[in-house]
C-alpha cells in the first residue's frame, strides 16, 4: 500500500513539475507576443499622430486659398463684381 501511495505521489509530483514548466513556457510566449503588440501599438500611435498633423496642414484655410489661386486660377472678387440680390 505504501509503495502504491509513494508511486502515486511521485507521479503527481512529476506531473505537477511538467505542468509548471509548460505554464512558464506559455508565459514566456505570451509575454513576447505582448511586447510585440505593444511595440506595434506604439508605432501605430506615432503614425496616427503624423497623419493628424498632415491632415491639419492640408486643411488650413490659407493652404486651400493658395491652391485655389495657383491650380484653379481663382481669386477673390473685386467690389465692383459683387452683386447683391434682394428679395
N, C-alpha and C. Protein backbone atom coordinates (compact mmCIF):
# COMPACT_ATOMS: atom_id res chain seq x y z
N UNK A 1 0.82 -1.19 0.00
CA UNK A 1 0.00 0.00 0.00
C UNK A 1 0.86 1.25 0.00
N UNK A 2 1.91 1.26 0.83
CA UNK A 2 2.75 2.45 0.91
C UNK A 2 3.54 2.64 -0.39
N UNK A 3 3.90 1.54 -1.07
CA UNK A 3 4.59 1.66 -2.35
C UNK A 3 3.65 2.27 -3.40
N UNK A 4 2.42 1.87 -3.35
CA UNK A 4 1.43 2.42 -4.28
C UNK A 4 1.24 3.92 -4.02
N UNK A 5 1.13 4.29 -2.74
CA UNK A 5 0.97 5.70 -2.38
C UNK A 5 2.21 6.49 -2.77
N UNK A 6 3.41 5.93 -2.54
CA UNK A 6 4.65 6.60 -2.90
C UNK A 6 4.75 6.78 -4.42
N UNK A 7 4.38 5.75 -5.19
CA UNK A 7 4.41 5.84 -6.65
C UNK A 7 3.39 6.88 -7.14
N UNK A 8 2.21 6.89 -6.51
CA UNK A 8 1.19 7.86 -6.87
C UNK A 8 1.67 9.29 -6.59
N UNK A 9 2.25 9.51 -5.44
CA UNK A 9 2.76 10.84 -5.09
C UNK A 9 3.90 11.26 -6.01
N UNK A 10 4.76 10.33 -6.38
CA UNK A 10 5.85 10.62 -7.30
C UNK A 10 5.30 10.99 -8.67
N UNK A 11 4.31 10.26 -9.12
CA UNK A 11 3.67 10.56 -10.40
C UNK A 11 3.01 11.94 -10.37
N UNK A 12 2.34 12.25 -9.26
CA UNK A 12 1.72 13.57 -9.12
C UNK A 12 2.78 14.68 -9.11
N UNK A 13 3.90 14.45 -8.46
CA UNK A 13 4.97 15.44 -8.41
C UNK A 13 5.56 15.67 -9.80
N UNK A 14 5.78 14.61 -10.55
CA UNK A 14 6.31 14.73 -11.90
C UNK A 14 5.30 15.46 -12.80
N UNK A 15 4.03 15.12 -12.68
CA UNK A 15 3.00 15.77 -13.49
C UNK A 15 2.92 17.26 -13.15
N UNK A 16 3.02 17.59 -11.87
CA UNK A 16 2.99 18.99 -11.46
C UNK A 16 4.21 19.74 -11.99
N UNK A 17 5.36 19.09 -11.94
CA UNK A 17 6.59 19.73 -12.45
C UNK A 17 6.47 19.98 -13.96
N UNK A 18 5.93 19.04 -14.68
CA UNK A 18 5.75 19.22 -16.12
C UNK A 18 4.75 20.35 -16.39
N UNK A 19 3.68 20.41 -15.60
CA UNK A 19 2.70 21.48 -15.76
C UNK A 19 3.32 22.85 -15.49
N UNK A 20 4.17 22.94 -14.47
CA UNK A 20 4.83 24.20 -14.15
C UNK A 20 5.75 24.63 -15.28
N UNK A 21 6.52 23.70 -15.82
CA UNK A 21 7.42 24.02 -16.93
C UNK A 21 6.62 24.48 -18.15
N UNK A 22 5.53 23.78 -18.44
CA UNK A 22 4.70 24.16 -19.59
C UNK A 22 4.10 25.54 -19.39
N UNK A 23 3.61 25.84 -18.21
CA UNK A 23 2.99 27.15 -17.96
C UNK A 23 4.03 28.27 -18.03
N UNK A 24 5.24 28.03 -17.58
CA UNK A 24 6.30 29.04 -17.70
C UNK A 24 6.64 29.27 -19.16
N UNK A 25 6.66 28.21 -19.94
CA UNK A 25 6.91 28.33 -21.37
C UNK A 25 5.81 29.15 -22.03
N UNK A 26 4.55 28.86 -21.71
CA UNK A 26 3.42 29.63 -22.26
C UNK A 26 3.50 31.09 -21.83
N UNK A 27 3.88 31.32 -20.58
CA UNK A 27 4.01 32.68 -20.07
C UNK A 27 5.05 33.44 -20.88
N UNK A 28 6.17 32.82 -21.17
CA UNK A 28 7.20 33.48 -21.98
C UNK A 28 6.69 33.78 -23.38
N UNK A 29 5.98 32.83 -23.98
CA UNK A 29 5.42 33.05 -25.32
C UNK A 29 4.44 34.23 -25.31
N UNK A 30 3.58 34.25 -24.32
CA UNK A 30 2.58 35.33 -24.24
C UNK A 30 3.23 36.67 -23.95
N UNK A 31 4.30 36.67 -23.15
CA UNK A 31 5.00 37.91 -22.86
C UNK A 31 5.68 38.46 -24.11
N UNK A 32 6.27 37.58 -24.91
CA UNK A 32 6.88 38.01 -26.16
C UNK A 32 5.81 38.57 -27.10
N UNK A 33 4.67 37.93 -27.17
CA UNK A 33 3.56 38.41 -28.00
C UNK A 33 3.06 39.77 -27.49
N UNK A 34 2.94 39.91 -26.19
CA UNK A 34 2.51 41.19 -25.61
C UNK A 34 3.49 42.30 -25.95
N UNK A 35 4.77 42.03 -25.84
CA UNK A 35 5.79 43.02 -26.16
C UNK A 35 5.70 43.42 -27.64
N UNK A 36 5.51 42.46 -28.52
CA UNK A 36 5.38 42.74 -29.94
C UNK A 36 4.15 43.61 -30.22
N UNK A 37 3.04 43.27 -29.59
CA UNK A 37 1.82 44.03 -29.79
C UNK A 37 1.93 45.45 -29.23
N UNK A 38 2.61 45.61 -28.11
CA UNK A 38 2.80 46.95 -27.56
C UNK A 38 3.67 47.80 -28.48
N UNK A 39 4.71 47.18 -29.04
CA UNK A 39 5.56 47.89 -30.00
C UNK A 39 4.76 48.30 -31.23
N UNK A 40 3.93 47.39 -31.72
CA UNK A 40 3.09 47.69 -32.88
C UNK A 40 2.11 48.81 -32.56
N UNK A 41 1.52 48.76 -31.35
CA UNK A 41 0.60 49.82 -30.93
C UNK A 41 1.30 51.17 -30.89
N UNK A 42 2.51 51.19 -30.35
CA UNK A 42 3.26 52.45 -30.28
C UNK A 42 3.56 52.99 -31.68
N UNK A 43 3.94 52.11 -32.59
CA UNK A 43 4.21 52.53 -33.97
C UNK A 43 2.95 53.07 -34.64
N UNK A 44 1.81 52.43 -34.38
CA UNK A 44 0.55 52.90 -34.95
C UNK A 44 0.15 54.25 -34.37
N UNK A 45 0.40 54.45 -33.07
CA UNK A 45 0.10 55.74 -32.46
C UNK A 45 0.96 56.85 -33.05
N UNK A 46 2.22 56.55 -33.32
CA UNK A 46 3.11 57.54 -33.94
C UNK A 46 2.62 57.87 -35.35
N UNK A 47 2.26 56.83 -36.10
CA UNK A 47 1.76 57.04 -37.46
C UNK A 47 0.45 57.85 -37.44
N UNK A 48 -0.42 57.56 -36.49
CA UNK A 48 -1.68 58.29 -36.37
C UNK A 48 -1.42 59.77 -36.08
N UNK A 49 -0.46 60.05 -35.21
CA UNK A 49 -0.10 61.44 -34.93
C UNK A 49 0.42 62.15 -36.17
N UNK A 50 1.25 61.46 -36.93
CA UNK A 50 1.76 62.03 -38.19
C UNK A 50 0.62 62.33 -39.16
N UNK A 51 -0.31 61.41 -39.27
CA UNK A 51 -1.44 61.60 -40.18
C UNK A 51 -2.34 62.75 -39.72
N UNK A 52 -2.54 62.89 -38.43
CA UNK A 52 -3.33 64.01 -37.93
C UNK A 52 -2.64 65.34 -38.24
N UNK A 53 -1.34 65.38 -38.07
CA UNK A 53 -0.59 66.60 -38.38
C UNK A 53 -0.68 66.91 -39.87
N UNK A 54 -0.54 65.89 -40.71
CA UNK A 54 -0.63 66.09 -42.15
C UNK A 54 -2.03 66.57 -42.54
N UNK A 55 -3.05 65.99 -41.94
CA UNK A 55 -4.42 66.41 -42.24
C UNK A 55 -4.64 67.86 -41.83
N UNK A 56 -4.12 68.25 -40.69
CA UNK A 56 -4.27 69.63 -40.24
C UNK A 56 -3.55 70.58 -41.18
N UNK A 57 -2.39 70.16 -41.69
CA UNK A 57 -1.64 71.00 -42.62
C UNK A 57 -2.41 71.18 -43.92
N UNK A 58 -2.93 70.09 -44.46
CA UNK A 58 -3.65 70.18 -45.74
C UNK A 58 -4.96 70.93 -45.61
N UNK A 59 -5.55 70.97 -44.43
CA UNK A 59 -6.86 71.58 -44.26
C UNK A 59 -6.80 73.05 -43.86
N UNK A 60 -5.61 73.61 -43.73
CA UNK A 60 -5.52 75.02 -43.34
C UNK A 60 -6.12 75.90 -44.43
N UNK A 61 -6.82 76.94 -43.99
CA UNK A 61 -7.53 77.81 -44.94
C UNK A 61 -6.58 78.49 -45.90
N UNK A 62 -5.44 78.97 -45.42
CA UNK A 62 -4.52 79.66 -46.33
C UNK A 62 -3.93 78.69 -47.36
N UNK A 63 -3.77 77.43 -46.98
CA UNK A 63 -3.29 76.41 -47.93
C UNK A 63 -4.34 76.19 -49.02
N UNK A 64 -5.60 76.13 -48.64
CA UNK A 64 -6.68 75.93 -49.61
C UNK A 64 -6.77 77.15 -50.53
N UNK A 65 -6.67 78.35 -49.96
CA UNK A 65 -6.70 79.56 -50.79
C UNK A 65 -5.54 79.57 -51.79
N UNK A 66 -4.37 79.20 -51.33
CA UNK A 66 -3.18 79.18 -52.20
C UNK A 66 -3.38 78.20 -53.35
N UNK A 67 -3.86 77.00 -53.05
CA UNK A 67 -4.09 76.00 -54.10
C UNK A 67 -5.18 76.46 -55.07
N UNK A 68 -6.23 77.10 -54.55
CA UNK A 68 -7.30 77.58 -55.43
C UNK A 68 -6.77 78.65 -56.38
N UNK A 69 -5.89 79.49 -55.90
CA UNK A 69 -5.33 80.53 -56.76
C UNK A 69 -4.34 79.96 -57.77
N UNK A 70 -3.48 79.05 -57.32
CA UNK A 70 -2.44 78.51 -58.21
C UNK A 70 -3.00 77.53 -59.24
N UNK A 71 -3.75 76.56 -58.79
CA UNK A 71 -4.19 75.48 -59.68
C UNK A 71 -5.45 75.83 -60.47
N UNK A 72 -6.36 76.55 -59.84
CA UNK A 72 -7.65 76.80 -60.48
C UNK A 72 -7.79 78.23 -61.00
N UNK A 73 -6.81 79.06 -60.70
CA UNK A 73 -6.86 80.44 -61.16
C UNK A 73 -7.97 81.24 -60.48
N UNK A 74 -8.36 80.84 -59.30
CA UNK A 74 -9.42 81.54 -58.61
C UNK A 74 -8.85 82.76 -57.90
N UNK A 75 -9.72 83.74 -57.67
CA UNK A 75 -9.31 84.94 -56.94
C UNK A 75 -10.53 85.49 -56.23
N UNK A 76 -10.28 86.35 -55.27
CA UNK A 76 -11.39 86.99 -54.58
C UNK A 76 -12.01 88.01 -55.52
N UNK A 77 -13.34 88.12 -55.54
CA UNK A 77 -13.99 89.08 -56.45
C UNK A 77 -13.73 90.52 -56.00
N UNK A 78 -13.63 91.37 -56.99
CA UNK A 78 -13.48 92.80 -56.71
C UNK A 78 -14.82 93.33 -56.21
N UNK A 79 -14.79 94.47 -55.57
CA UNK A 79 -16.02 95.06 -55.04
C UNK A 79 -17.01 95.37 -56.15
N UNK A 80 -16.52 95.70 -57.32
CA UNK A 80 -17.41 96.01 -58.45
C UNK A 80 -18.06 94.76 -59.03
N UNK A 81 -17.46 93.60 -58.77
CA UNK A 81 -18.00 92.34 -59.31
C UNK A 81 -19.07 91.73 -58.42
N UNK A 82 -19.24 92.26 -57.22
CA UNK A 82 -20.19 91.67 -56.27
C UNK A 82 -21.58 92.26 -56.54
N UNK A 83 -22.55 91.39 -56.69
CA UNK A 83 -23.94 91.80 -56.92
C UNK A 83 -24.78 91.29 -55.76
N UNK A 84 -25.51 92.17 -55.14
CA UNK A 84 -26.39 91.80 -54.02
C UNK A 84 -27.79 91.61 -54.57
N UNK A 85 -28.36 90.45 -54.34
CA UNK A 85 -29.70 90.13 -54.80
C UNK A 85 -30.64 90.25 -53.62
N UNK A 86 -31.64 91.08 -53.78
CA UNK A 86 -32.60 91.29 -52.69
C UNK A 86 -33.96 90.70 -53.10
N UNK A 87 -34.65 90.14 -52.15
CA UNK A 87 -35.95 89.54 -52.48
C UNK A 87 -37.03 90.57 -52.78
